[in-house]
Amino acid sequence: MKLPFRSIGYLLASLVMTLLQSSCEDVIDLGLNNAAPKLVIEGWVDDVAGPSVTISKTTAFTADLSENPQQVLSGATVTLTDNYGHTAVLTDKVTPGQYRVEEAANFLGKPGRTYTLKVEADSQTYQAVSTMPIPVPIDSVGTVTSDIFDGERKGAGLLFTDPPGVKNQYRYEVWVNDVFLKTIFIYNDKYNDGKTITRELIDFEEDDDDKKIVIGDRVRVNIYNIDEAVYKYWFSLDENNPGSAAPGNPVSNISNGALGYFSAQTSQQVELIIQ
């Protein structure tokens, strides 16, 4: 999925081409100025792999994406603190722009705790707060099939029981034969609180027959329990596709105008062979 600010650039470029083709005499100046770059923070802490934060800057729509697709930001001061007073410092010593702790096992997330991410960069301070939910275990996994207008689609089906009386939000990452699916899979229990749920993860966005899920494919699913603010980020990102009438930036839980998100999340993984 493309970021919204790039989508605007593509729409404007199409408009320019249309106007130029319709008139060879008039010189049209749309007055498109490059907006100041914004900080993009994509961070999480989970109960399996610990914390990870990637920091970059947006590029202007007039930039050459083939030469500089993303401007990473190195040298920021990044700290993560929980509500029990534990603090970890993340650095990008190994890979510029990718901030990690030296020993991830020393700062694994714990369900029920609240984590505060603080980033100091370019003389600005950015903060985000996220509470790690209690994990909801998967009871079983199997193949699901859906018949739609262009034929049969297959995918992974997850069976689980949603805990009653608690707001639960879920996000799923899906790999097929080790290839990551870009489709955003999210779910909340607004209409199914406390019920047994079968979550069908079928990629309806893929039109290439060679890339559709078929019998024999190996599917891996990462399941994340996320808080409500992070769910809103992924929901707005999913809604903000290039075909939106008024594309904009997804809702962020990070302060001071930064883009992106910070998620304290539980993580579990399942695998299956499509039948």
Protein backbone atom coordinates (compact mmCIF):
# COMPACT_ATOMS: atom_id res chain seq x y z
CA MET A 1 0.00 0.00 0.00
CA LYS A 2 1.36 3.40 -0.99
CA LEU A 3 1.58 6.21 1.51
CA PRO A 4 -1.12 8.88 1.05
CA PHE A 5 1.26 11.76 0.38
CA ARG A 6 2.65 9.86 -2.59
CA SER A 7 -0.86 9.21 -3.88
CA ILE A 8 -1.54 12.93 -4.01
CA GLY A 9 1.59 13.37 -6.10
CA TYR A 10 0.45 10.79 -8.62
CA LEU A 11 -2.98 12.40 -8.95
CA LEU A 12 -1.46 15.82 -9.51
CA ALA A 13 0.97 14.43 -12.07
CA SER A 14 -1.96 12.94 -13.99
CA LEU A 15 -3.76 16.28 -13.87
CA VAL A 16 -0.71 18.05 -15.30
CA MET A 17 -0.49 15.60 -18.22
CA THR A 18 -4.18 16.01 -18.99
CA LEU A 19 -3.94 19.81 -19.03
CA LEU A 20 -0.85 19.81 -21.23
CA GLN A 21 -2.48 17.51 -23.75
CA SER A 22 -5.60 19.69 -23.95
CA SER A 23 -3.73 22.91 -24.74
CA CYS A 24 -0.52 23.67 -26.62
CA GLU A 25 -0.76 27.44 -26.15
CA ASP A 26 -1.45 28.09 -22.47
CA VAL A 27 1.26 27.73 -19.84
CA ILE A 28 -0.32 26.38 -16.69
CA ASP A 29 1.33 26.85 -13.33
CA LEU A 30 -0.26 24.77 -10.59
CA GLY A 31 1.98 26.30 -7.92
CA LEU A 32 2.91 22.98 -6.33
CA ASN A 33 5.45 23.56 -3.56
CA ASN A 34 7.25 20.74 -1.81
CA ALA A 35 5.97 20.37 1.74
CA ALA A 36 8.52 20.26 4.54
CA PRO A 37 9.60 16.65 5.28
CA LYS A 38 7.84 15.00 8.19
CA LEU A 39 9.23 12.44 10.58
CA VAL A 40 7.90 8.89 10.16
CA ILE A 41 8.15 6.62 13.20
CA GLU A 42 7.19 2.95 12.97
CA GLY A 43 7.73 1.25 16.29
CA TRP A 44 6.59 -1.62 18.43
CA VAL A 45 7.42 -3.68 21.45
CA ASP A 46 6.10 -7.23 21.75
CA ASP A 47 6.35 -10.17 24.11
CA VAL A 48 8.47 -12.28 21.76
CA ALA A 49 11.10 -10.17 20.00
CA GLY A 50 11.27 -7.05 22.15
CA PRO A 51 11.28 -3.45 20.85
CA SER A 52 12.00 -2.15 17.35
CA VAL A 53 11.73 1.40 15.98
CA THR A 54 12.35 2.57 12.41
CA ILE A 55 12.69 6.32 11.79
CA SER A 56 12.67 8.05 8.42
CA LYS A 57 11.52 11.24 6.73
CA THR A 58 8.95 11.77 4.04
CA THR A 59 10.12 12.70 0.55
CA ALA A 60 8.51 15.35 -1.62
CA PHE A 61 6.29 14.20 -4.50
CA THR A 62 8.78 15.75 -6.93
CA ALA A 63 11.66 13.64 -5.60
CA ASP A 64 13.18 10.83 -7.65
CA LEU A 65 12.00 7.74 -5.78
CA SER A 66 14.37 5.47 -7.72
CA GLU A 67 17.35 7.34 -6.26
CA ASN A 68 16.01 8.06 -2.76
CA PRO A 69 12.89 5.99 -1.99
CA GLN A 70 13.05 6.71 1.75
CA GLN A 71 15.26 9.03 3.77
CA VAL A 72 16.29 7.19 6.93
CA LEU A 73 17.11 9.21 10.02
CA SER A 74 20.15 8.17 12.01
CA GLY A 75 21.44 9.49 15.32
CA ALA A 76 18.11 10.06 17.07
CA THR A 77 17.79 9.52 20.82
CA VAL A 78 15.21 6.78 21.37
CA THR A 79 14.04 5.52 24.77
CA LEU A 80 11.30 3.14 25.82
CA THR A 81 9.84 3.14 29.34
CA ASP A 82 7.15 1.01 30.97
CA ASN A 83 4.83 1.96 33.82
CA TYR A 84 6.98 -0.04 36.26
CA GLY A 85 9.93 2.31 35.74
CA HIS A 86 12.01 0.10 33.44
CA THR A 87 13.79 2.00 30.65
CA ALA A 88 15.63 0.81 27.55
CA VAL A 89 17.77 2.85 25.18
CA LEU A 90 17.52 1.94 21.48
CA THR A 91 20.32 2.70 19.02
CA ASP A 92 20.87 2.26 15.28
CA LYS A 93 24.45 1.03 15.51
CA VAL A 94 23.85 -1.94 13.21
CA THR A 95 21.54 -0.47 10.56
CA PRO A 96 21.00 3.31 10.13
CA GLY A 97 17.45 4.32 10.94
CA GLN A 98 16.59 1.00 12.60
CA TYR A 99 16.73 1.31 16.37
CA ARG A 100 17.11 -1.77 18.56
CA VAL A 101 18.22 -2.72 22.05
CA GLU A 102 21.48 -4.64 22.35
CA GLU A 103 19.85 -7.55 24.18
CA ALA A 104 16.20 -7.91 23.13
CA ALA A 105 15.59 -10.64 25.71
CA ASN A 106 16.24 -8.09 28.46
CA PHE A 107 13.29 -5.95 27.41
CA LEU A 108 10.51 -8.22 26.22
CA GLY A 109 7.06 -6.69 26.50
CA LYS A 110 4.63 -7.85 29.17
CA PRO A 111 0.84 -7.94 28.64
CA GLY A 112 -1.02 -5.36 30.70
CA ARG A 113 1.88 -2.92 30.92
CA THR A 114 1.85 0.55 29.39
CA TYR A 115 4.85 1.65 27.34
CA THR A 116 5.98 5.15 26.45
CA LEU A 117 8.18 5.71 23.40
CA LYS A 118 10.22 8.93 23.31
CA VAL A 119 12.13 10.07 20.23
CA GLU A 120 14.37 13.14 20.15
CA ALA A 121 15.40 14.15 16.63
CA ASP A 122 16.14 17.41 14.80
CA SER A 123 15.67 19.38 18.05
CA GLN A 124 12.13 18.04 18.40
CA THR A 125 10.58 15.55 20.83
CA TYR A 126 7.98 12.97 19.84
CA GLN A 127 6.09 10.67 22.21
CA ALA A 128 3.60 7.83 21.99
CA VAL A 129 1.91 5.66 24.60
CA SER A 130 0.52 2.16 24.08
CA THR A 131 -0.78 -0.52 26.45
CA MET A 132 -0.06 -4.16 25.61
CA PRO A 133 -3.30 -6.20 25.56
CA ILE A 134 -3.77 -9.63 27.07
CA PRO A 135 -3.16 -12.20 24.30
CA VAL A 136 -6.07 -14.17 22.85
CA PRO A 137 -4.93 -17.70 21.95
CA ILE A 138 -5.79 -19.35 18.63
CA ASP A 139 -7.78 -22.58 19.09
CA SER A 140 -7.24 -24.02 15.61
CA VAL A 141 -6.20 -23.09 12.07
CA GLY A 142 -7.28 -24.42 8.68
CA THR A 143 -8.08 -23.68 5.05
CA VAL A 144 -11.08 -21.51 4.14
CA THR A 145 -12.61 -21.07 0.69
CA SER A 146 -14.76 -18.27 -0.72
CA ASP A 147 -16.59 -18.25 -4.05
CA ILE A 148 -16.70 -14.82 -5.69
CA PHE A 149 -17.47 -13.52 -9.15
CA ASP A 150 -14.00 -14.28 -10.56
CA GLY A 151 -13.79 -17.78 -9.11
CA GLU A 152 -12.68 -19.51 -5.95
CA ARG A 153 -10.34 -17.91 -3.43
CA LYS A 154 -8.52 -19.75 -0.67
CA GLY A 155 -6.87 -18.52 2.50
CA ALA A 156 -6.15 -19.20 6.15
CA GLY A 157 -8.93 -19.53 8.72
CA LEU A 158 -8.30 -18.85 12.41
CA LEU A 159 -10.69 -20.11 15.10
CA PHE A 160 -10.59 -18.42 18.51
CA THR A 161 -12.81 -17.35 21.38
CA ASP A 162 -12.97 -13.63 22.02
CA PRO A 163 -12.85 -12.74 25.74
CA PRO A 164 -16.16 -11.17 26.85
CA GLY A 165 -16.45 -7.67 28.26
CA VAL A 166 -13.11 -6.48 26.89
CA LYS A 167 -12.42 -4.50 23.73
CA ASN A 168 -10.11 -6.58 21.56
CA GLN A 169 -8.37 -5.57 18.37
CA TYR A 170 -6.31 -7.80 16.11
CA ARG A 171 -3.89 -7.38 13.23
CA TYR A 172 -2.59 -10.16 11.00
CA GLU A 173 0.49 -10.38 8.78
CA VAL A 174 0.33 -13.12 6.16
CA TRP A 175 3.16 -14.77 4.21
CA VAL A 176 2.54 -17.20 1.36
CA ASN A 177 5.56 -19.35 0.50
CA ASP A 178 7.69 -16.78 2.36
CA VAL A 179 6.29 -13.87 0.30
CA PHE A 180 4.63 -11.14 2.39
CA LEU A 181 1.09 -10.10 1.42
CA LYS A 182 0.65 -6.33 1.38
CA THR A 183 -3.08 -6.59 2.14
CA ILE A 184 -3.95 -5.12 5.55
CA PHE A 185 -5.82 -7.63 7.72
CA ILE A 186 -7.37 -6.16 10.88
CA TYR A 187 -10.35 -7.05 13.07
CA ASN A 188 -12.12 -5.92 16.22
CA ASP A 189 -14.80 -7.53 18.38
CA LYS A 190 -17.31 -4.67 18.24
CA TYR A 191 -20.09 -6.98 17.03
CA ASN A 192 -18.74 -10.32 18.29
CA ASP A 193 -17.70 -9.68 21.88
CA GLY A 194 -17.29 -12.92 23.80
CA LYS A 195 -18.15 -15.15 20.83
CA THR A 196 -16.31 -17.95 19.07
CA ILE A 197 -14.97 -16.43 15.86
CA THR A 198 -13.62 -17.78 12.59
CA ARG A 199 -11.41 -15.11 11.02
CA GLU A 200 -10.96 -15.68 7.29
CA LEU A 201 -7.73 -14.25 5.87
CA ILE A 202 -8.33 -14.25 2.12
CA ASP A 203 -6.51 -11.88 -0.23
CA PHE A 204 -9.29 -10.43 -2.39
CA GLU A 205 -7.02 -7.64 -3.68
CA GLU A 206 -4.74 -9.92 -5.73
CA ASP A 207 -5.82 -10.06 -9.40
CA ASP A 208 -2.83 -11.99 -10.76
CA ASP A 209 -3.81 -15.66 -11.06
CA ASP A 210 -0.18 -16.71 -10.59
CA LYS A 211 -0.10 -15.03 -7.17
CA LYS A 212 -3.40 -16.28 -5.78
CA ILE A 213 -3.31 -18.78 -2.90
CA VAL A 214 -3.77 -22.36 -4.12
CA ILE A 215 -3.68 -25.90 -2.75
CA GLY A 216 -0.22 -26.81 -1.49
CA ASP A 217 0.85 -23.26 -0.63
CA ARG A 218 2.55 -22.78 2.72
CA VAL A 219 0.95 -19.96 4.72
CA ARG A 220 2.37 -18.32 7.83
CA VAL A 221 0.33 -15.88 9.91
CA ASN A 222 1.59 -13.52 12.59
CA ILE A 223 -1.22 -12.54 14.95
CA TYR A 224 -0.95 -9.35 16.98
CA ASN A 225 -3.27 -8.21 19.75
CA ILE A 226 -3.16 -4.40 19.54
CA ASP A 227 -4.70 -1.52 21.45
CA GLU A 228 -7.50 0.68 20.12
CA ALA A 229 -5.32 3.61 19.00
CA VAL A 230 -3.10 1.33 16.92
CA TYR A 231 -6.17 -0.34 15.41
CA LYS A 232 -7.39 3.11 14.31
CA TYR A 233 -4.05 3.72 12.60
CA TRP A 234 -4.25 0.52 10.55
CA PHE A 235 -7.94 1.05 9.83
CA SER A 236 -7.36 4.55 8.50
CA LEU A 237 -4.35 3.38 6.49
CA ASP A 238 -6.48 0.66 4.90
CA GLU A 239 -9.22 3.17 4.09
CA ASN A 240 -6.69 5.64 2.69
CA ASN A 241 -5.99 3.77 -0.54
CA PRO A 242 -4.96 5.60 -3.74
CA GLY A 243 -8.56 5.54 -4.97
CA SER A 244 -9.92 7.51 -2.03
CA ALA A 245 -11.82 10.68 -2.84
CA ALA A 246 -9.77 12.71 -0.36
CA PRO A 247 -6.62 10.84 0.63
CA GLY A 248 -4.83 11.97 3.77
CA ASN A 249 -2.40 10.72 6.37
CA PRO A 250 -3.52 7.81 8.56
CA VAL A 251 -4.40 8.54 12.18
CA SER A 252 -1.22 8.44 14.28
CA ASN A 253 -0.80 7.93 18.04
CA ILE A 254 2.51 9.82 17.99
CA SER A 255 2.69 13.43 19.19
CA ASN A 256 4.09 16.57 17.56
CA GLY A 257 2.82 15.86 14.05
CA ALA A 258 4.89 12.76 13.33
CA LEU A 259 3.52 10.11 10.99
CA GLY A 260 3.42 6.42 11.79
CA TYR A 261 2.53 4.48 14.93
CA PHE A 262 3.85 2.88 18.09
CA SER A 263 2.32 -0.41 19.21
CA ALA A 264 2.72 -2.45 22.39
CA GLN A 265 1.44 -5.79 21.13
CA THR A 266 1.39 -9.48 21.89
CA SER A 267 2.55 -11.80 19.13
CA GLN A 268 1.88 -15.39 18.13
CA GLN A 269 2.45 -17.33 14.92
CA VAL A 270 0.68 -20.19 13.13
CA GLU A 271 1.46 -22.09 9.93
CA LEU A 272 -0.52 -24.33 7.62
CA ILE A 273 -0.51 -25.95 4.19
CA ILE A 274 -3.50 -24.93 2.06
CA GLN A 275 -5.82 -27.87 1.37
